Amino acid sequence: MISAIILAAGMSKRMGRPKQLLRLGGKTMIRIIAENVVASKVDEVLVVTGCQGDSVAAEVSGLPVKVVHNPDFAEGQGVSLALGARNISKDASAILVLTSDQPLVSSSLINFLVEKFKKSSCLALRPVYNGMPGHPVIFSGFLREELVGLKGDEGARQILKKMGGGVNYWPVQDEAVVFDIDTPEDFETLRKRLNLL
């Protein structure tokens, strides 16, 4: 069973407003990402909300996703990821972790990474584009307790560091894995790229 956790709880300080609620062609980023994950071959989708939680939850209503709210979202991404890991199915053999600021990550890209993970014997798989590691990252279900133990702003990078050679860094030709939106300038670049200006 493949479970996906979409992290959509952040305050987006550099953006100045919640990134997950920014609109691209009539849809919010969280809606686009959630739809792409739902359309992929994952078996379960969980969205972790925080800042503007009710608004974010409303954006994914009608989709077959589970929503959990992190009241401690201001403490950092690690807390949200831990909450997500606690709330996915106990039967998850793999855990796909996505952020809410990468709307170009398609269902076909997710499927590609899931298939590569299934065929490897690694503890985690992370895509790499032009030498840059990106997202989404897939963790073995054996690492669930490691994820549950994250605190504060301690993201999954700490777990990946500890695993060393247990991580498979898989080269991909899709820039989507490193194209994230952090600033208003990033967002304008994305809109131009999608011809939405």
C-alpha atoms as a PDB file:
ATOM      1  CA  MET A   1       0.000   0.000   0.000  1.00  0.00           C
ATOM      2  CA  ILE A   2       1.351   3.408  -0.994  1.00  0.00           C
ATOM      3  CA  SER A   3       0.303   6.324   1.227  1.00  0.00           C
ATOM      4  CA  ALA A   4       0.854   9.956   0.245  1.00  0.00           C
ATOM      5  CA  ILE A   5       1.229  12.863   2.662  1.00  0.00           C
ATOM      6  CA  ILE A   6       0.768  16.354   1.223  1.00  0.00           C
ATOM      7  CA  LEU A   7       2.219  19.019   3.530  1.00  0.00           C
ATOM      8  CA  ALA A   8      -0.031  22.085   3.283  1.00  0.00           C
ATOM      9  CA  ALA A   9       0.287  23.652   6.723  1.00  0.00           C
ATOM     10  CA  GLY A  10       2.976  26.300   6.281  1.00  0.00           C
ATOM     11  CA  MET A  11       2.702  30.041   6.787  1.00  0.00           C
ATOM     12  CA  SER A  12       4.620  30.915   3.590  1.00  0.00           C
ATOM     13  CA  LYS A  13       6.536  33.774   5.231  1.00  0.00           C
ATOM     14  CA  ARG A  14       8.621  34.571   2.150  1.00  0.00           C
ATOM     15  CA  MET A  15       5.514  34.638  -0.043  1.00  0.00           C
ATOM     16  CA  GLY A  16       3.570  36.878   2.342  1.00  0.00           C
ATOM     17  CA  ARG A  17       0.373  34.797   1.950  1.00  0.00           C
ATOM     18  CA  PRO A  18      -0.405  31.070   2.029  1.00  0.00           C
ATOM     19  CA  LYS A  19       1.153  29.459  -1.044  1.00  0.00           C
ATOM     20  CA  GLN A  20      -1.279  26.582  -0.922  1.00  0.00           C
ATOM     21  CA  LEU A  21      -4.142  28.998  -1.707  1.00  0.00           C
ATOM     22  CA  LEU A  22      -2.492  30.784  -4.649  1.00  0.00           C
ATOM     23  CA  ARG A  23      -4.503  30.349  -7.850  1.00  0.00           C
ATOM     24  CA  LEU A  24      -3.228  29.013 -11.166  1.00  0.00           C
ATOM     25  CA  GLY A  25      -5.737  28.969 -14.000  1.00  0.00           C
ATOM     26  CA  GLY A  26      -8.734  28.957 -11.685  1.00  0.00           C
ATOM     27  CA  LYS A  27      -7.471  26.335  -9.233  1.00  0.00           C
ATOM     28  CA  THR A  28      -5.454  26.701  -6.056  1.00  0.00           C
ATOM     29  CA  MET A  29      -2.060  25.069  -5.795  1.00  0.00           C
ATOM     30  CA  ILE A  30      -3.252  22.654  -3.112  1.00  0.00           C
ATOM     31  CA  ARG A  31      -6.168  21.604  -5.327  1.00  0.00           C
ATOM     32  CA  ILE A  32      -3.880  21.015  -8.307  1.00  0.00           C
ATOM     33  CA  ILE A  33      -1.427  18.954  -6.270  1.00  0.00           C
ATOM     34  CA  ALA A  34      -4.152  16.957  -4.523  1.00  0.00           C
ATOM     35  CA  GLU A  35      -5.826  16.149  -7.855  1.00  0.00           C
ATOM     36  CA  ASN A  36      -2.511  15.024  -9.336  1.00  0.00           C
ATOM     37  CA  VAL A  37      -1.805  12.732  -6.387  1.00  0.00           C
ATOM     38  CA  VAL A  38      -5.332  11.308  -6.414  1.00  0.00           C
ATOM     39  CA  ALA A  39      -4.965  10.581 -10.151  1.00  0.00           C
ATOM     40  CA  SER A  40      -1.748   8.639  -9.524  1.00  0.00           C
ATOM     41  CA  LYS A  41      -1.351   5.036  -8.413  1.00  0.00           C
ATOM     42  CA  VAL A  42      -1.104   5.811  -4.694  1.00  0.00           C
ATOM     43  CA  ASP A  43      -3.660   4.084  -2.496  1.00  0.00           C
ATOM     44  CA  GLU A  44      -4.241   6.721   0.179  1.00  0.00           C
ATOM     45  CA  VAL A  45      -3.899  10.522   0.219  1.00  0.00           C
ATOM     46  CA  LEU A  46      -3.632  12.572   3.388  1.00  0.00           C
ATOM     47  CA  VAL A  47      -3.440  16.380   3.483  1.00  0.00           C
ATOM     48  CA  VAL A  48      -1.971  18.088   6.547  1.00  0.00           C
ATOM     49  CA  THR A  49      -3.390  21.585   7.041  1.00  0.00           C
ATOM     50  CA  GLY A  50      -2.329  24.335   9.420  1.00  0.00           C
ATOM     51  CA  CYS A  51      -2.265  28.016   8.443  1.00  0.00           C
ATOM     52  CA  GLN A  52      -5.672  28.911   6.948  1.00  0.00           C
ATOM     53  CA  GLY A  53      -6.650  25.319   7.690  1.00  0.00           C
ATOM     54  CA  ASP A  54     -10.374  25.650   6.976  1.00  0.00           C
ATOM     55  CA  SER A  55      -9.742  27.333   3.618  1.00  0.00           C
ATOM     56  CA  VAL A  56      -7.185  24.716   2.590  1.00  0.00           C
ATOM     57  CA  ALA A  57      -9.513  21.879   3.632  1.00  0.00           C
ATOM     58  CA  ALA A  58     -12.323  23.449   1.597  1.00  0.00           C
ATOM     59  CA  GLU A  59     -10.088  23.440  -1.491  1.00  0.00           C
ATOM     60  CA  VAL A  60      -9.710  19.653  -1.392  1.00  0.00           C
ATOM     61  CA  SER A  61     -13.322  18.900  -0.508  1.00  0.00           C
ATOM     62  CA  GLY A  62     -14.936  16.399  -2.839  1.00  0.00           C
ATOM     63  CA  LEU A  63     -11.655  14.577  -3.423  1.00  0.00           C
ATOM     64  CA  PRO A  64     -10.958  11.157  -1.885  1.00  0.00           C
ATOM     65  CA  VAL A  65      -8.458  12.529   0.616  1.00  0.00           C
ATOM     66  CA  LYS A  66      -8.204  12.537   4.390  1.00  0.00           C
ATOM     67  CA  VAL A  67      -7.526  15.908   6.004  1.00  0.00           C
ATOM     68  CA  VAL A  68      -5.794  16.315   9.365  1.00  0.00           C
ATOM     69  CA  HIS A  69      -5.203  19.696  10.982  1.00  0.00           C
ATOM     70  CA  ASN A  70      -1.952  20.553  12.715  1.00  0.00           C
ATOM     71  CA  PRO A  71      -2.678  23.156  15.421  1.00  0.00           C
ATOM     72  CA  ASP A  72       1.082  23.468  16.022  1.00  0.00           C
ATOM     73  CA  PHE A  73       1.914  24.304  12.393  1.00  0.00           C
ATOM     74  CA  ALA A  74       3.956  27.355  13.454  1.00  0.00           C
ATOM     75  CA  GLU A  75       6.541  25.010  14.992  1.00  0.00           C
ATOM     76  CA  GLY A  76       7.649  23.864  11.551  1.00  0.00           C
ATOM     77  CA  GLN A  77       7.364  21.250   8.849  1.00  0.00           C
ATOM     78  CA  GLY A  78       8.660  18.401  10.982  1.00  0.00           C
ATOM     79  CA  VAL A  79       5.604  18.570  13.239  1.00  0.00           C
ATOM     80  CA  SER A  80       3.277  18.389  10.230  1.00  0.00           C
ATOM     81  CA  LEU A  81       5.130  15.449   8.704  1.00  0.00           C
ATOM     82  CA  ALA A  82       5.068  13.603  12.036  1.00  0.00           C
ATOM     83  CA  LEU A  83       1.315  14.185  12.304  1.00  0.00           C
ATOM     84  CA  GLY A  84       0.811  12.926   8.763  1.00  0.00           C
ATOM     85  CA  ALA A  85       2.867   9.790   9.418  1.00  0.00           C
ATOM     86  CA  ARG A  86       0.795   9.075  12.537  1.00  0.00           C
ATOM     87  CA  ASN A  87      -2.458   9.300  10.576  1.00  0.00           C
ATOM     88  CA  ILE A  88      -1.756   7.193   7.501  1.00  0.00           C
ATOM     89  CA  SER A  89      -2.718   3.533   7.287  1.00  0.00           C
ATOM     90  CA  LYS A  90      -0.720   1.102   9.404  1.00  0.00           C
ATOM     91  CA  ASP A  91      -0.494  -1.035   6.246  1.00  0.00           C
ATOM     92  CA  ALA A  92       1.556   1.539   4.308  1.00  0.00           C
ATOM     93  CA  SER A  93       4.556  -0.164   2.726  1.00  0.00           C
ATOM     94  CA  ALA A  94       5.741   3.156   1.294  1.00  0.00           C
ATOM     95  CA  ILE A  95       5.149   6.790   2.246  1.00  0.00           C
ATOM     96  CA  LEU A  96       5.241   9.473  -0.442  1.00  0.00           C
ATOM     97  CA  VAL A  97       5.907  12.961   0.947  1.00  0.00           C
ATOM     98  CA  LEU A  98       4.916  15.997  -1.132  1.00  0.00           C
ATOM     99  CA  THR A  99       4.933  19.730  -0.519  1.00  0.00           C
ATOM    100  CA  SER A 100       2.118  22.093  -1.468  1.00  0.00           C
ATOM    101  CA  ASP A 101       4.314  24.420  -3.537  1.00  0.00           C
ATOM    102  CA  GLN A 102       5.199  22.113  -6.438  1.00  0.00           C
ATOM    103  CA  PRO A 103       2.133  22.149  -8.713  1.00  0.00           C
ATOM    104  CA  LEU A 104       4.135  20.862 -11.693  1.00  0.00           C
ATOM    105  CA  VAL A 105       4.598  17.431 -10.091  1.00  0.00           C
ATOM    106  CA  SER A 106       2.294  15.334 -12.271  1.00  0.00           C
ATOM    107  CA  SER A 107       0.568  12.029 -11.621  1.00  0.00           C
ATOM    108  CA  SER A 108       2.780  10.404 -14.280  1.00  0.00           C
ATOM    109  CA  LEU A 109       5.922  11.630 -12.490  1.00  0.00           C
ATOM    110  CA  ILE A 110       4.576  10.279  -9.194  1.00  0.00           C
ATOM    111  CA  ASN A 111       3.838   6.921 -10.851  1.00  0.00           C
ATOM    112  CA  PHE A 112       7.338   6.811 -12.341  1.00  0.00           C
ATOM    113  CA  LEU A 113       8.955   7.376  -8.939  1.00  0.00           C
ATOM    114  CA  VAL A 114       6.685   4.854  -7.222  1.00  0.00           C
ATOM    115  CA  GLU A 115       7.601   2.191  -9.798  1.00  0.00           C
ATOM    116  CA  LYS A 116      11.327   2.893  -9.368  1.00  0.00           C
ATOM    117  CA  PHE A 117      10.927   2.634  -5.598  1.00  0.00           C
ATOM    118  CA  LYS A 118       9.067  -0.684  -5.860  1.00  0.00           C
ATOM    119  CA  LYS A 119      11.823  -2.156  -8.023  1.00  0.00           C
ATOM    120  CA  SER A 120      14.633  -1.044  -5.719  1.00  0.00           C
ATOM    121  CA  SER A 121      15.596  -2.312  -2.294  1.00  0.00           C
ATOM    122  CA  CYS A 122      16.282   1.127  -0.860  1.00  0.00           C
ATOM    123  CA  LEU A 123      14.865   2.659   2.316  1.00  0.00           C
ATOM    124  CA  ALA A 124      14.089   5.918   0.520  1.00  0.00           C
ATOM    125  CA  LEU A 125      14.072   7.274  -3.005  1.00  0.00           C
ATOM    126  CA  ARG A 126      14.640  10.922  -3.866  1.00  0.00           C
ATOM    127  CA  PRO A 127      14.538  12.362  -7.391  1.00  0.00           C
ATOM    128  CA  VAL A 128      17.487  14.397  -8.655  1.00  0.00           C
ATOM    129  CA  TYR A 129      17.369  16.934 -11.483  1.00  0.00           C
ATOM    130  CA  ASN A 130      20.680  18.242 -12.880  1.00  0.00           C
ATOM    131  CA  GLY A 131      22.427  17.224  -9.673  1.00  0.00           C
ATOM    132  CA  MET A 132      19.845  18.918  -7.421  1.00  0.00           C
ATOM    133  CA  PRO A 133      17.831  16.676  -5.044  1.00  0.00           C
ATOM    134  CA  GLY A 134      14.108  17.391  -5.099  1.00  0.00           C
ATOM    135  CA  HIS A 135      10.631  16.213  -4.124  1.00  0.00           C
ATOM    136  CA  PRO A 136       8.537  14.147  -3.759  1.00  0.00           C
ATOM    137  CA  VAL A 137      10.512  11.731  -1.588  1.00  0.00           C
ATOM    138  CA  ILE A 138       9.372   8.151  -1.004  1.00  0.00           C
ATOM    139  CA  PHE A 139      10.149   6.443   2.307  1.00  0.00           C
ATOM    140  CA  SER A 140       9.838   2.777   3.136  1.00  0.00           C
ATOM    141  CA  GLY A 141       7.032   1.993   5.570  1.00  0.00           C
ATOM    142  CA  PHE A 142       9.787   0.704   7.887  1.00  0.00           C
ATOM    143  CA  LEU A 143      10.720   4.363   8.499  1.00  0.00           C
ATOM    144  CA  ARG A 144       7.281   5.385   9.681  1.00  0.00           C
ATOM    145  CA  GLU A 145       8.343   5.683  13.336  1.00  0.00           C
ATOM    146  CA  GLU A 146      11.322   7.822  12.310  1.00  0.00           C
ATOM    147  CA  LEU A 147       8.901  10.201  10.589  1.00  0.00           C
ATOM    148  CA  VAL A 148       6.520  10.161  13.563  1.00  0.00           C
ATOM    149  CA  GLY A 149       9.438  11.193  15.785  1.00  0.00           C
ATOM    150  CA  LEU A 150      10.217  14.423  13.882  1.00  0.00           C
ATOM    151  CA  LYS A 151       9.924  17.656  15.853  1.00  0.00           C
ATOM    152  CA  GLY A 152       9.877  21.390  15.145  1.00  0.00           C
ATOM    153  CA  ASP A 153      11.229  22.406  11.773  1.00  0.00           C
ATOM    154  CA  GLU A 154      13.306  19.243  11.538  1.00  0.00           C
ATOM    155  CA  GLY A 155      12.257  17.953   8.157  1.00  0.00           C
ATOM    156  CA  ALA A 156      12.847  14.571   6.563  1.00  0.00           C
ATOM    157  CA  ARG A 157      16.338  15.714   5.501  1.00  0.00           C
ATOM    158  CA  GLN A 158      17.597  14.596   8.912  1.00  0.00           C
ATOM    159  CA  ILE A 159      16.328  11.067   8.280  1.00  0.00           C
ATOM    160  CA  LEU A 160      17.829  10.982   4.785  1.00  0.00           C
ATOM    161  CA  LYS A 161      21.213  12.075   6.194  1.00  0.00           C
ATOM    162  CA  LYS A 162      21.183   9.306   8.784  1.00  0.00           C
ATOM    163  CA  MET A 163      20.378   6.656   6.177  1.00  0.00           C
ATOM    164  CA  GLY A 164      23.371   7.457   3.980  1.00  0.00           C
ATOM    165  CA  GLY A 165      23.640   4.686   1.388  1.00  0.00           C
ATOM    166  CA  GLY A 166      20.091   3.542   2.079  1.00  0.00           C
ATOM    167  CA  VAL A 167      18.821   6.417  -0.036  1.00  0.00           C
ATOM    168  CA  ASN A 168      18.479   5.963  -3.786  1.00  0.00           C
ATOM    169  CA  TYR A 169      18.988   9.324  -5.536  1.00  0.00           C
ATOM    170  CA  TRP A 170      17.252   8.769  -8.875  1.00  0.00           C
ATOM    171  CA  PRO A 171      18.069  11.082 -11.819  1.00  0.00           C
ATOM    172  CA  VAL A 172      15.018  12.453 -13.637  1.00  0.00           C
ATOM    173  CA  GLN A 173      14.614  14.754 -16.621  1.00  0.00           C
ATOM    174  CA  ASP A 174      11.639  16.619 -15.153  1.00  0.00           C
ATOM    175  CA  GLU A 175      12.413  20.013 -13.598  1.00  0.00           C
ATOM    176  CA  ALA A 176       9.160  19.766 -11.606  1.00  0.00           C
ATOM    177  CA  VAL A 177      10.977  17.950  -8.792  1.00  0.00           C
ATOM    178  CA  VAL A 178      13.038  21.064  -7.972  1.00  0.00           C
ATOM    179  CA  PHE A 179      10.646  23.797  -9.162  1.00  0.00           C
ATOM    180  CA  ASP A 180       9.030  25.066  -5.983  1.00  0.00           C
ATOM    181  CA  ILE A 181       7.334  28.358  -5.193  1.00  0.00           C
ATOM    182  CA  ASP A 182       8.771  30.362  -2.297  1.00  0.00           C
ATOM    183  CA  THR A 183       8.488  34.026  -3.303  1.00  0.00           C
ATOM    184  CA  PRO A 184       6.150  36.263  -5.354  1.00  0.00           C
ATOM    185  CA  GLU A 185       8.856  36.252  -8.038  1.00  0.00           C
ATOM    186  CA  ASP A 186       8.788  32.443  -8.168  1.00  0.00           C
ATOM    187  CA  PHE A 187       5.034  32.554  -8.579  1.00  0.00           C
ATOM    188  CA  GLU A 188       5.224  35.042 -11.443  1.00  0.00           C
ATOM    189  CA  THR A 189       7.849  32.850 -13.128  1.00  0.00           C
ATOM    190  CA  LEU A 190       5.486  29.896 -12.860  1.00  0.00           C
ATOM    191  CA  ARG A 191       2.550  31.867 -14.238  1.00  0.00           C
ATOM    192  CA  LYS A 192       4.639  32.967 -17.225  1.00  0.00           C
ATOM    193  CA  ARG A 193       5.767  29.404 -17.790  1.00  0.00           C
ATOM    194  CA  LEU A 194       2.146  28.237 -17.856  1.00  0.00           C
ATOM    195  CA  ASN A 195       1.069  31.198 -20.037  1.00  0.00           C
ATOM    196  CA  LEU A 196      -1.293  32.460 -17.348  1.00  0.00           C
ATOM    197  CA  LEU A 197      -0.304  36.145 -17.522  1.00  0.00           C
END
